[in-house]
């Protein structure tokens, strides 16, 4: 029952309002006489049923602070913590009900490298630098990922109490590398990509940069990580090539190298997440099948707003994280 119904009852349960008897009021509200009596007794509010919660304001604060600092601990560990701090025994089901009320849910943990903590200032400087650039359309991002020909979905459905069982090849096969370069624009942001067997070596990366087709007559900013091949110097000279630094300069590309241990700052990683999920659905077992399904994924990616990918990356890290 809502307060509104009760106020209607109070206002109209009089001869002047046309409701002179309790039965008329019952008929008007379409409730029983007992319900009407309870409304009047409780001023229209139904009392909460059940016993009073053991978790008061002090315990609530202790628990929420503990969860914030120890978010991988289970519910029994939370109950044990309260017992240690206050000498009060709280059951695991009580903790479970508390978490449900507070809308604290158990979910997959998004891990960040512990090595990031000493480099928070460096991360913040990188983010400020990217945000200060004149236009997102001047920003590009590059990275590489590996595939194997035994990829399969990692989750599946099954009845409660039983495992979700499927099959895939036990042999991973050879390593297949996928290199991707994107532009931070609202659509058609895939600039270049290449799929090949084996790892990314200097010659292959050098050729990839040479073949990049970027808009002429302006500077470009290229986000990439610090793996040696992205900075190759001596290996380029040994092959009779200009260094990566000189090659980037010749193409008016200013490299923006990520701080160490911060792959989530690169929007290409979000593209890779999408592509990997796309590939797992089809479970290709040959290089040719993988190539076909990757091209399908690239077509879909070209319809996505990659400016939102960059925004997400720049929000990922914080000084409190």
C-alpha atoms as a PDB file:
ATOM      1  CA  UNK A   1       0.000   0.000   0.000  1.00  0.00           C
ATOM      2  CA  UNK A   2       1.229   3.478  -0.812  1.00  0.00           C
ATOM      3  CA  UNK A   3       0.945   6.600   1.322  1.00  0.00           C
ATOM      4  CA  UNK A   4      -1.328   8.076  -1.337  1.00  0.00           C
ATOM      5  CA  UNK A   5      -4.049   5.455  -0.667  1.00  0.00           C
ATOM      6  CA  UNK A   6      -3.915   6.088   3.039  1.00  0.00           C
ATOM      7  CA  UNK A   7      -4.283   9.838   2.606  1.00  0.00           C
ATOM      8  CA  UNK A   8      -7.286   9.243   0.337  1.00  0.00           C
ATOM      9  CA  UNK A   9      -8.803   7.092   3.079  1.00  0.00           C
ATOM     10  CA  UNK A  10      -8.205   9.810   5.701  1.00  0.00           C
ATOM     11  CA  UNK A  11      -9.654  12.540   3.527  1.00  0.00           C
ATOM     12  CA  UNK A  12     -12.712  10.645   2.285  1.00  0.00           C
ATOM     13  CA  UNK A  13     -13.717   8.568   5.299  1.00  0.00           C
ATOM     14  CA  UNK A  14     -16.248  11.113   6.517  1.00  0.00           C
ATOM     15  CA  UNK A  15     -19.924  11.844   5.740  1.00  0.00           C
ATOM     16  CA  UNK A  16     -18.909  15.098   3.988  1.00  0.00           C
ATOM     17  CA  UNK A  17     -16.762  13.147   1.521  1.00  0.00           C
ATOM     18  CA  UNK A  18     -19.381  10.505   0.829  1.00  0.00           C
ATOM     19  CA  UNK A  19     -17.673   7.661   2.728  1.00  0.00           C
ATOM     20  CA  UNK A  20     -19.606   7.321   5.955  1.00  0.00           C
ATOM     21  CA  UNK A  21     -18.874   3.723   6.938  1.00  0.00           C
ATOM     22  CA  UNK A  22     -15.793   1.544   7.177  1.00  0.00           C
ATOM     23  CA  UNK A  23     -17.308  -0.836   4.632  1.00  0.00           C
ATOM     24  CA  UNK A  24     -17.592   1.996   2.093  1.00  0.00           C
ATOM     25  CA  UNK A  25     -13.929   2.855   2.658  1.00  0.00           C
ATOM     26  CA  UNK A  26     -12.967  -0.827   2.231  1.00  0.00           C
ATOM     27  CA  UNK A  27     -14.884  -0.973  -1.028  1.00  0.00           C
ATOM     28  CA  UNK A  28     -13.284   2.265  -2.224  1.00  0.00           C
ATOM     29  CA  UNK A  29      -9.725   1.055  -1.533  1.00  0.00           C
ATOM     30  CA  UNK A  30     -10.433  -2.552  -2.560  1.00  0.00           C
ATOM     31  CA  UNK A  31      -8.752  -3.981   0.535  1.00  0.00           C
ATOM     32  CA  UNK A  32      -9.846  -6.017   3.549  1.00  0.00           C
ATOM     33  CA  UNK A  33     -11.045  -4.449   6.828  1.00  0.00           C
ATOM     34  CA  UNK A  34      -7.939  -5.795   8.567  1.00  0.00           C
ATOM     35  CA  UNK A  35      -5.661  -4.103   6.031  1.00  0.00           C
ATOM     36  CA  UNK A  36      -7.515  -0.827   6.520  1.00  0.00           C
ATOM     37  CA  UNK A  37      -7.093  -1.087  10.299  1.00  0.00           C
ATOM     38  CA  UNK A  38      -3.362  -1.699   9.881  1.00  0.00           C
ATOM     39  CA  UNK A  39      -3.039   1.339   7.606  1.00  0.00           C
ATOM     40  CA  UNK A  40      -4.649   3.549  10.221  1.00  0.00           C
ATOM     41  CA  UNK A  41      -2.585   2.068  13.035  1.00  0.00           C
ATOM     42  CA  UNK A  42       0.754   2.420  11.239  1.00  0.00           C
ATOM     43  CA  UNK A  43      -0.023   5.713   9.498  1.00  0.00           C
ATOM     44  CA  UNK A  44      -0.095   3.952   6.169  1.00  0.00           C
ATOM     45  CA  UNK A  45       3.321   2.261   6.480  1.00  0.00           C
ATOM     46  CA  UNK A  46       3.806  -1.469   6.811  1.00  0.00           C
ATOM     47  CA  UNK A  47       6.362  -2.392   9.435  1.00  0.00           C
ATOM     48  CA  UNK A  48       9.447  -4.234   8.280  1.00  0.00           C
ATOM     49  CA  UNK A  49       9.304  -7.936   9.014  1.00  0.00           C
ATOM     50  CA  UNK A  50      12.161 -10.002  10.418  1.00  0.00           C
ATOM     51  CA  UNK A  51      14.731  -9.396  13.088  1.00  0.00           C
ATOM     52  CA  UNK A  52      16.972  -6.377  13.310  1.00  0.00           C
ATOM     53  CA  UNK A  53      20.210  -6.627  11.305  1.00  0.00           C
ATOM     54  CA  UNK A  54      23.418  -7.223  13.233  1.00  0.00           C
ATOM     55  CA  UNK A  55      25.261  -4.877  10.900  1.00  0.00           C
ATOM     56  CA  UNK A  56      25.003  -1.328  12.238  1.00  0.00           C
ATOM     57  CA  UNK A  57      26.666   1.815  10.867  1.00  0.00           C
ATOM     58  CA  UNK A  58      30.028   1.056  12.497  1.00  0.00           C
ATOM     59  CA  UNK A  59      30.185  -2.484  11.113  1.00  0.00           C
ATOM     60  CA  UNK A  60      28.972  -1.295   7.737  1.00  0.00           C
ATOM     61  CA  UNK A  61      31.838   1.193   7.479  1.00  0.00           C
ATOM     62  CA  UNK A  62      34.385  -1.400   8.621  1.00  0.00           C
ATOM     63  CA  UNK A  63      33.154  -3.908   6.054  1.00  0.00           C
ATOM     64  CA  UNK A  64      33.045  -1.492   3.128  1.00  0.00           C
ATOM     65  CA  UNK A  65      36.533  -0.187   3.940  1.00  0.00           C
ATOM     66  CA  UNK A  66      37.823  -3.760   4.221  1.00  0.00           C
ATOM     67  CA  UNK A  67      36.291  -4.707   0.856  1.00  0.00           C
ATOM     68  CA  UNK A  68      37.792  -1.650  -0.812  1.00  0.00           C
ATOM     69  CA  UNK A  69      41.294  -2.649   0.289  1.00  0.00           C
ATOM     70  CA  UNK A  70      40.813  -6.437   0.027  1.00  0.00           C
ATOM     71  CA  UNK A  71      38.372  -7.011  -2.805  1.00  0.00           C
ATOM     72  CA  UNK A  72      39.523 -10.594  -3.499  1.00  0.00           C
ATOM     73  CA  UNK A  73      38.696 -11.848   0.022  1.00  0.00           C
ATOM     74  CA  UNK A  74      35.708 -14.186   0.396  1.00  0.00           C
ATOM     75  CA  UNK A  75      32.692 -13.652   2.627  1.00  0.00           C
ATOM     76  CA  UNK A  76      34.013 -15.832   5.454  1.00  0.00           C
ATOM     77  CA  UNK A  77      37.190 -13.723   5.549  1.00  0.00           C
ATOM     78  CA  UNK A  78      34.989 -10.627   5.907  1.00  0.00           C
ATOM     79  CA  UNK A  79      33.122 -12.207   8.827  1.00  0.00           C
ATOM     80  CA  UNK A  80      36.433 -13.204  10.452  1.00  0.00           C
ATOM     81  CA  UNK A  81      37.716  -9.631  10.093  1.00  0.00           C
ATOM     82  CA  UNK A  82      34.712  -8.216  11.971  1.00  0.00           C
ATOM     83  CA  UNK A  83      35.212 -10.819  14.705  1.00  0.00           C
ATOM     84  CA  UNK A  84      38.882  -9.826  15.049  1.00  0.00           C
ATOM     85  CA  UNK A  85      38.131  -6.103  15.127  1.00  0.00           C
ATOM     86  CA  UNK A  86      35.032  -6.036  17.320  1.00  0.00           C
ATOM     87  CA  UNK A  87      34.777  -9.465  18.911  1.00  0.00           C
ATOM     88  CA  UNK A  88      31.382  -9.886  17.249  1.00  0.00           C
ATOM     89  CA  UNK A  89      30.496 -13.146  15.509  1.00  0.00           C
ATOM     90  CA  UNK A  90      28.735 -12.640  12.190  1.00  0.00           C
ATOM     91  CA  UNK A  91      27.786 -15.525   9.907  1.00  0.00           C
ATOM     92  CA  UNK A  92      28.660 -15.821   6.228  1.00  0.00           C
ATOM     93  CA  UNK A  93      24.937 -15.672   5.221  1.00  0.00           C
ATOM     94  CA  UNK A  94      24.637 -12.362   7.110  1.00  0.00           C
ATOM     95  CA  UNK A  95      27.579 -11.020   5.110  1.00  0.00           C
ATOM     96  CA  UNK A  96      25.926 -12.269   1.924  1.00  0.00           C
ATOM     97  CA  UNK A  97      22.676 -10.406   2.686  1.00  0.00           C
ATOM     98  CA  UNK A  98      24.624  -7.265   3.566  1.00  0.00           C
ATOM     99  CA  UNK A  99      26.506  -7.319   0.253  1.00  0.00           C
ATOM    100  CA  UNK A 100      23.253  -7.782  -1.633  1.00  0.00           C
ATOM    101  CA  UNK A 101      21.686  -4.770   0.116  1.00  0.00           C
ATOM    102  CA  UNK A 102      24.755  -2.650  -0.620  1.00  0.00           C
ATOM    103  CA  UNK A 103      24.801  -3.835  -4.272  1.00  0.00           C
ATOM    104  CA  UNK A 104      28.338  -5.169  -3.896  1.00  0.00           C
ATOM    105  CA  UNK A 105      28.697  -8.045  -6.365  1.00  0.00           C
ATOM    106  CA  UNK A 106      31.284 -10.773  -6.956  1.00  0.00           C
ATOM    107  CA  UNK A 107      32.853 -10.410 -10.398  1.00  0.00           C
ATOM    108  CA  UNK A 108      35.905 -11.175 -12.472  1.00  0.00           C
ATOM    109  CA  UNK A 109      38.914  -9.175 -11.250  1.00  0.00           C
ATOM    110  CA  UNK A 110      40.544  -6.740 -13.681  1.00  0.00           C
ATOM    111  CA  UNK A 111      44.183  -6.974 -12.594  1.00  0.00           C
ATOM    112  CA  UNK A 112      46.677  -4.170 -13.000  1.00  0.00           C
ATOM    113  CA  UNK A 113      50.411  -4.813 -12.734  1.00  0.00           C
ATOM    114  CA  UNK A 114      51.752  -4.092  -9.254  1.00  0.00           C
ATOM    115  CA  UNK A 115      54.762  -2.484 -10.964  1.00  0.00           C
ATOM    116  CA  UNK A 116      52.465   0.378 -12.026  1.00  0.00           C
ATOM    117  CA  UNK A 117      52.226   1.850  -8.536  1.00  0.00           C
ATOM    118  CA  UNK A 118      55.676   3.528  -8.504  1.00  0.00           C
ATOM    119  CA  UNK A 119      54.939   4.921 -11.975  1.00  0.00           C
ATOM    120  CA  UNK A 120      51.606   6.634 -11.295  1.00  0.00           C
ATOM    121  CA  UNK A 121      53.089  10.085 -11.936  1.00  0.00           C
ATOM    122  CA  UNK A 122      54.525   8.908 -15.250  1.00  0.00           C
ATOM    123  CA  UNK A 123      51.123   7.486 -16.192  1.00  0.00           C
ATOM    124  CA  UNK A 124      49.406  10.768 -15.329  1.00  0.00           C
ATOM    125  CA  UNK A 125      51.908  12.731 -17.437  1.00  0.00           C
ATOM    126  CA  UNK A 126      51.278  10.411 -20.390  1.00  0.00           C
ATOM    127  CA  UNK A 127      47.520  10.885 -20.086  1.00  0.00           C
ATOM    128  CA  UNK A 128      47.875  14.676 -19.904  1.00  0.00           C
ATOM    129  CA  UNK A 129      50.093  14.665 -22.977  1.00  0.00           C
ATOM    130  CA  UNK A 130      47.559  12.670 -24.998  1.00  0.00           C
ATOM    131  CA  UNK A 131      44.662  14.852 -23.837  1.00  0.00           C
ATOM    132  CA  UNK A 132      46.578  18.001 -24.823  1.00  0.00           C
ATOM    133  CA  UNK A 133      46.985  16.964 -28.460  1.00  0.00           C
ATOM    134  CA  UNK A 134      45.139  19.197 -30.945  1.00  0.00           C
ATOM    135  CA  UNK A 135      42.801  16.523 -32.324  1.00  0.00           C
ATOM    136  CA  UNK A 136      42.009  12.849 -31.852  1.00  0.00           C
ATOM    137  CA  UNK A 137      42.273  12.397 -35.615  1.00  0.00           C
ATOM    138  CA  UNK A 138      46.030  13.071 -35.319  1.00  0.00           C
ATOM    139  CA  UNK A 139      46.381  10.117 -32.936  1.00  0.00           C
ATOM    140  CA  UNK A 140      47.155   6.591 -34.079  1.00  0.00           C
ATOM    141  CA  UNK A 141      47.832   3.450 -32.066  1.00  0.00           C
ATOM    142  CA  UNK A 142      49.673   0.249 -32.889  1.00  0.00           C
ATOM    143  CA  UNK A 143      50.255  -3.114 -31.275  1.00  0.00           C
ATOM    144  CA  UNK A 144      50.464  -6.819 -32.026  1.00  0.00           C
ATOM    145  CA  UNK A 145      48.793  -9.921 -30.633  1.00  0.00           C
ATOM    146  CA  UNK A 146      49.199 -13.686 -31.014  1.00  0.00           C
ATOM    147  CA  UNK A 147      46.706 -16.307 -32.137  1.00  0.00           C
ATOM    148  CA  UNK A 148      46.804 -20.083 -31.998  1.00  0.00           C
ATOM    149  CA  UNK A 149      44.671 -22.450 -34.019  1.00  0.00           C
ATOM    150  CA  UNK A 150      43.039 -24.037 -30.976  1.00  0.00           C
ATOM    151  CA  UNK A 151      41.104 -20.946 -29.853  1.00  0.00           C
ATOM    152  CA  UNK A 152      37.682 -21.722 -28.330  1.00  0.00           C
ATOM    153  CA  UNK A 153      35.071 -19.960 -26.127  1.00  0.00           C
ATOM    154  CA  UNK A 154      36.096 -19.851 -22.476  1.00  0.00           C
ATOM    155  CA  UNK A 155      32.559 -19.972 -21.061  1.00  0.00           C
ATOM    156  CA  UNK A 156      29.575 -22.212 -21.751  1.00  0.00           C
ATOM    157  CA  UNK A 157      26.219 -23.303 -20.302  1.00  0.00           C
ATOM    158  CA  UNK A 158      25.548 -26.389 -18.214  1.00  0.00           C
ATOM    159  CA  UNK A 159      23.123 -27.574 -15.542  1.00  0.00           C
ATOM    160  CA  UNK A 160      23.822 -26.475 -11.980  1.00  0.00           C
ATOM    161  CA  UNK A 161      26.353 -28.737 -10.295  1.00  0.00           C
ATOM    162  CA  UNK A 162      27.847 -30.012 -13.544  1.00  0.00           C
ATOM    163  CA  UNK A 163      30.745 -28.779 -15.671  1.00  0.00           C
ATOM    164  CA  UNK A 164      30.346 -27.183 -19.087  1.00  0.00           C
ATOM    165  CA  UNK A 165      32.448 -29.539 -21.229  1.00  0.00           C
ATOM    166  CA  UNK A 166      33.487 -28.984 -24.838  1.00  0.00           C
ATOM    167  CA  UNK A 167      36.468 -29.985 -26.991  1.00  0.00           C
ATOM    168  CA  UNK A 168      39.374 -28.286 -28.718  1.00  0.00           C
ATOM    169  CA  UNK A 169      42.765 -29.372 -30.075  1.00  0.00           C
ATOM    170  CA  UNK A 170      45.403 -29.975 -27.416  1.00  0.00           C
ATOM    171  CA  UNK A 171      48.147 -28.858 -29.801  1.00  0.00           C
ATOM    172  CA  UNK A 172      48.286 -25.074 -30.096  1.00  0.00           C
ATOM    173  CA  UNK A 173      50.074 -25.198 -33.421  1.00  0.00           C
ATOM    174  CA  UNK A 174      52.454 -22.477 -34.564  1.00  0.00           C
ATOM    175  CA  UNK A 175      52.307 -18.941 -33.259  1.00  0.00           C
ATOM    176  CA  UNK A 176      50.421 -16.539 -35.546  1.00  0.00           C
ATOM    177  CA  UNK A 177      51.002 -12.796 -35.148  1.00  0.00           C
ATOM    178  CA  UNK A 178      48.516 -10.051 -35.951  1.00  0.00           C
ATOM    179  CA  UNK A 179      49.740  -6.428 -36.187  1.00  0.00           C
ATOM    180  CA  UNK A 180      47.149  -3.639 -36.149  1.00  0.00           C
ATOM    181  CA  UNK A 181      47.308   0.142 -36.535  1.00  0.00           C
ATOM    182  CA  UNK A 182      44.232   2.282 -35.882  1.00  0.00           C
ATOM    183  CA  UNK A 183      43.323   5.958 -36.105  1.00  0.00           C
ATOM    184  CA  UNK A 184      41.272   7.575 -33.346  1.00  0.00           C
ATOM    185  CA  UNK A 185      38.222   8.578 -35.404  1.00  0.00           C
ATOM    186  CA  UNK A 186      34.465   7.920 -35.219  1.00  0.00           C
ATOM    187  CA  UNK A 187      34.409   5.387 -38.073  1.00  0.00           C
ATOM    188  CA  UNK A 188      36.686   3.675 -40.587  1.00  0.00           C
ATOM    189  CA  UNK A 189      39.508   3.763 -38.065  1.00  0.00           C
ATOM    190  CA  UNK A 190      41.429   0.672 -39.209  1.00  0.00           C
ATOM    191  CA  UNK A 191      44.500   2.020 -40.999  1.00  0.00           C
ATOM    192  CA  UNK A 192      46.550  -1.116 -41.584  1.00  0.00           C
ATOM    193  CA  UNK A 193      46.877  -4.703 -40.388  1.00  0.00           C
ATOM    194  CA  UNK A 194      48.884  -7.817 -41.182  1.00  0.00           C
ATOM    195  CA  UNK A 195      48.560 -11.485 -40.252  1.00  0.00           C
ATOM    196  CA  UNK A 196      51.537 -13.837 -40.517  1.00  0.00           C
ATOM    197  CA  UNK A 197      53.059 -16.962 -38.990  1.00  0.00           C
ATOM    198  CA  UNK A 198      55.863 -16.530 -36.465  1.00  0.00           C
ATOM    199  CA  UNK A 199      56.827 -13.636 -34.226  1.00  0.00           C
ATOM    200  CA  UNK A 200      57.277  -9.956 -35.055  1.00  0.00           C
ATOM    201  CA  UNK A 201      60.882  -9.371 -36.125  1.00  0.00           C
ATOM    202  CA  UNK A 202      62.666  -6.151 -37.088  1.00  0.00           C
ATOM    203  CA  UNK A 203      62.340  -6.510 -40.870  1.00  0.00           C
ATOM    204  CA  UNK A 204      58.617  -7.244 -40.665  1.00  0.00           C
ATOM    205  CA  UNK A 205      57.915  -4.303 -38.339  1.00  0.00           C
ATOM    206  CA  UNK A 206      60.081  -1.972 -40.427  1.00  0.00           C
ATOM    207  CA  UNK A 207      58.128  -2.928 -43.565  1.00  0.00           C
ATOM    208  CA  UNK A 208      54.831  -2.430 -41.740  1.00  0.00           C
ATOM    209  CA  UNK A 209      55.775   1.162 -40.819  1.00  0.00           C
ATOM    210  CA  UNK A 210      57.059   1.853 -44.338  1.00  0.00           C
ATOM    211  CA  UNK A 211      53.711   0.744 -45.787  1.00  0.00           C
ATOM    212  CA  UNK A 212      51.578   2.865 -43.462  1.00  0.00           C
ATOM    213  CA  UNK A 213      49.488   5.273 -45.517  1.00  0.00           C
ATOM    214  CA  UNK A 214      48.872   8.320 -43.346  1.00  0.00           C
ATOM    215  CA  UNK A 215      47.374  11.692 -44.306  1.00  0.00           C
ATOM    216  CA  UNK A 216      50.174  13.888 -45.738  1.00  0.00           C
ATOM    217  CA  UNK A 217      51.377  17.340 -44.650  1.00  0.00           C
ATOM    218  CA  UNK A 218      50.831  17.042 -40.914  1.00  0.00           C
ATOM    219  CA  UNK A 219      52.311  15.435 -37.821  1.00  0.00           C
ATOM    220  CA  UNK A 220      50.935  12.176 -36.489  1.00  0.00           C
ATOM    221  CA  UNK A 221      51.161  10.759 -32.969  1.00  0.00           C
ATOM    222  CA  UNK A 222      51.578   6.993 -32.653  1.00  0.00           C
ATOM    223  CA  UNK A 223      50.812   5.227 -29.352  1.00  0.00           C
ATOM    224  CA  UNK A 224      52.722   1.970 -28.863  1.00  0.00           C
ATOM    225  CA  UNK A 225      54.449   0.030 -26.120  1.00  0.00           C
ATOM    226  CA  UNK A 226      58.135  -0.270 -25.324  1.00  0.00           C
ATOM    227  CA  UNK A 227      58.980  -3.687 -26.759  1.00  0.00           C
ATOM    228  CA  UNK A 228      62.474  -3.639 -28.337  1.00  0.00           C
ATOM    229  CA  UNK A 229      61.236  -4.048 -31.918  1.00  0.00           C
ATOM    230  CA  UNK A 230      59.278  -0.770 -31.616  1.00  0.00           C
ATOM    231  CA  UNK A 231      62.553   1.046 -30.923  1.00  0.00           C
ATOM    232  CA  UNK A 232      64.839  -1.103 -33.050  1.00  0.00           C
ATOM    233  CA  UNK A 233      68.179   0.539 -33.852  1.00  0.00           C
ATOM    234  CA  UNK A 234      71.106  -1.867 -34.055  1.00  0.00           C
ATOM    235  CA  UNK A 235      69.029  -4.659 -35.582  1.00  0.00           C
ATOM    236  CA  UNK A 236      67.901  -2.208 -38.295  1.00  0.00           C
ATOM    237  CA  UNK A 237      71.504  -1.173 -39.010  1.00  0.00           C
ATOM    238  CA  UNK A 238      72.550  -4.834 -39.191  1.00  0.00           C
ATOM    239  CA  UNK A 239      69.919  -5.322 -41.910  1.00  0.00           C
ATOM    240  CA  UNK A 240      70.986  -2.195 -43.786  1.00  0.00           C
ATOM    241  CA  UNK A 241      67.814  -0.321 -42.787  1.00  0.00           C
ATOM    242  CA  UNK A 242      67.293   3.103 -41.285  1.00  0.00           C
ATOM    243  CA  UNK A 243      66.475   2.939 -37.583  1.00  0.00           C
ATOM    244  CA  UNK A 244      62.858   2.930 -36.449  1.00  0.00           C
ATOM    245  CA  UNK A 245      63.350   6.386 -34.938  1.00  0.00           C
ATOM    246  CA  UNK A 246      64.567   7.805 -38.269  1.00  0.00           C
ATOM    247  CA  UNK A 247      61.834   5.979 -40.196  1.00  0.00           C
ATOM    248  CA  UNK A 248      59.112   7.437 -37.974  1.00  0.00           C
ATOM    249  CA  UNK A 249      60.606  10.912 -38.338  1.00  0.00           C
ATOM    250  CA  UNK A 250      60.632  10.591 -42.132  1.00  0.00           C
ATOM    251  CA  UNK A 251      56.898   9.872 -42.063  1.00  0.00           C
ATOM    252  CA  UNK A 252      56.149  12.775 -39.666  1.00  0.00           C
ATOM    253  CA  UNK A 253      55.240  10.307 -36.913  1.00  0.00           C
ATOM    254  CA  UNK A 254      55.935  11.263 -33.308  1.00  0.00           C
ATOM    255  CA  UNK A 255      56.015   8.093 -31.158  1.00  0.00           C
ATOM    256  CA  UNK A 256      54.155   8.134 -27.841  1.00  0.00           C
ATOM    257  CA  UNK A 257      55.653   5.233 -25.945  1.00  0.00           C
ATOM    258  CA  UNK A 258      53.496   3.881 -23.123  1.00  0.00           C
ATOM    259  CA  UNK A 259      54.801   3.898 -19.563  1.00  0.00           C
ATOM    260  CA  UNK A 260      55.974   0.407 -18.522  1.00  0.00           C
ATOM    261  CA  UNK A 261      53.295  -2.142 -17.565  1.00  0.00           C
ATOM    262  CA  UNK A 262      50.369  -0.096 -18.916  1.00  0.00           C
ATOM    263  CA  UNK A 263      48.902  -1.982 -21.899  1.00  0.00           C
ATOM    264  CA  UNK A 264      45.394  -0.799 -20.957  1.00  0.00           C
ATOM    265  CA  UNK A 265      46.382   2.735 -22.013  1.00  0.00           C
ATOM    266  CA  UNK A 266      46.547   1.561 -25.630  1.00  0.00           C
ATOM    267  CA  UNK A 267      43.132   1.620 -27.403  1.00  0.00           C
ATOM    268  CA  UNK A 268      44.332  -1.148 -29.732  1.00  0.00           C
ATOM    269  CA  UNK A 269      43.978  -3.518 -26.762  1.00  0.00           C
ATOM    270  CA  UNK A 270      40.198  -2.956 -26.827  1.00  0.00           C
ATOM    271  CA  UNK A 271      40.189  -3.802 -30.532  1.00  0.00           C
ATOM    272  CA  UNK A 272      42.090  -6.989 -29.716  1.00  0.00           C
ATOM    273  CA  UNK A 273      39.546  -7.917 -27.025  1.00  0.00           C
ATOM    274  CA  UNK A 274      36.749  -7.591 -29.562  1.00  0.00           C
ATOM    275  CA  UNK A 275      38.618  -9.528 -32.264  1.00  0.00           C
ATOM    276  CA  UNK A 276      39.577 -12.359 -29.914  1.00  0.00           C
ATOM    277  CA  UNK A 277      35.966 -12.821 -28.821  1.00  0.00           C
ATOM    278  CA  UNK A 278      34.896 -12.750 -32.472  1.00  0.00           C
ATOM    279  CA  UNK A 279      37.475 -15.403 -33.400  1.00  0.00           C
ATOM    280  CA  UNK A 280      36.603 -17.671 -30.469  1.00  0.00           C
ATOM    281  CA  UNK A 281      33.004 -17.901 -31.702  1.00  0.00           C
ATOM    282  CA  UNK A 282      34.099 -19.469 -35.002  1.00  0.00           C
ATOM    283  CA  UNK A 283      37.033 -21.551 -33.726  1.00  0.00           C
ATOM    284  CA  UNK A 284      39.171 -21.474 -36.901  1.00  0.00           C
ATOM    285  CA  UNK A 285      41.515 -24.417 -37.313  1.00  0.00           C
ATOM    286  CA  UNK A 286      43.555 -23.245 -40.323  1.00  0.00           C
ATOM    287  CA  UNK A 287      45.458 -20.058 -41.136  1.00  0.00           C
ATOM    288  CA  UNK A 288      43.061 -19.383 -44.032  1.00  0.00           C
ATOM    289  CA  UNK A 289      39.984 -19.649 -41.780  1.00  0.00           C
ATOM    290  CA  UNK A 290      41.577 -17.339 -39.213  1.00  0.00           C
ATOM    291  CA  UNK A 291      42.299 -14.786 -41.957  1.00  0.00           C
ATOM    292  CA  UNK A 292      38.669 -14.874 -43.151  1.00  0.00           C
ATOM    293  CA  UNK A 293      37.156 -14.394 -39.702  1.00  0.00           C
ATOM    294  CA  UNK A 294      39.646 -11.651 -38.818  1.00  0.00           C
ATOM    295  CA  UNK A 295      38.607  -9.720 -41.916  1.00  0.00           C
ATOM    296  CA  UNK A 296      34.985 -10.058 -40.813  1.00  0.00           C
ATOM    297  CA  UNK A 297      35.909  -8.660 -37.409  1.00  0.00           C
ATOM    298  CA  UNK A 298      37.826  -5.787 -39.011  1.00  0.00           C
ATOM    299  CA  UNK A 299      34.731  -4.824 -41.036  1.00  0.00           C
ATOM    300  CA  UNK A 300      32.705  -4.621 -37.826  1.00  0.00           C
ATOM    301  CA  UNK A 301      35.453  -2.649 -36.044  1.00  0.00           C
ATOM    302  CA  UNK A 302      35.446  -0.122 -38.870  1.00  0.00           C
ATOM    303  CA  UNK A 303      31.878   0.788 -37.890  1.00  0.00           C
ATOM    304  CA  UNK A 304      32.814   1.487 -34.275  1.00  0.00           C
ATOM    305  CA  UNK A 305      33.665   4.862 -32.728  1.00  0.00           C
ATOM    306  CA  UNK A 306      37.316   4.504 -31.744  1.00  0.00           C
ATOM    307  CA  UNK A 307      37.336   7.891 -29.999  1.00  0.00           C
ATOM    308  CA  UNK A 308      35.375   6.162 -27.223  1.00  0.00           C
ATOM    309  CA  UNK A 309      38.088   3.497 -27.014  1.00  0.00           C
ATOM    310  CA  UNK A 310      40.696   6.159 -26.294  1.00  0.00           C
ATOM    311  CA  UNK A 311      38.432   7.866 -23.743  1.00  0.00           C
ATOM    312  CA  UNK A 312      37.988   4.551 -21.951  1.00  0.00           C
ATOM    313  CA  UNK A 313      41.744   3.960 -21.830  1.00  0.00           C
ATOM    314  CA  UNK A 314      42.492   7.391 -20.401  1.00  0.00           C
ATOM    315  CA  UNK A 315      39.928   6.809 -17.633  1.00  0.00           C
ATOM    316  CA  UNK A 316      41.268   3.366 -16.768  1.00  0.00           C
ATOM    317  CA  UNK A 317      44.087   4.496 -14.507  1.00  0.00           C
ATOM    318  CA  UNK A 318      43.804   6.792 -11.534  1.00  0.00           C
ATOM    319  CA  UNK A 319      46.017   7.713  -8.603  1.00  0.00           C
ATOM    320  CA  UNK A 320      43.664   5.719  -6.371  1.00  0.00           C
ATOM    321  CA  UNK A 321      43.817   2.660  -8.635  1.00  0.00           C
END
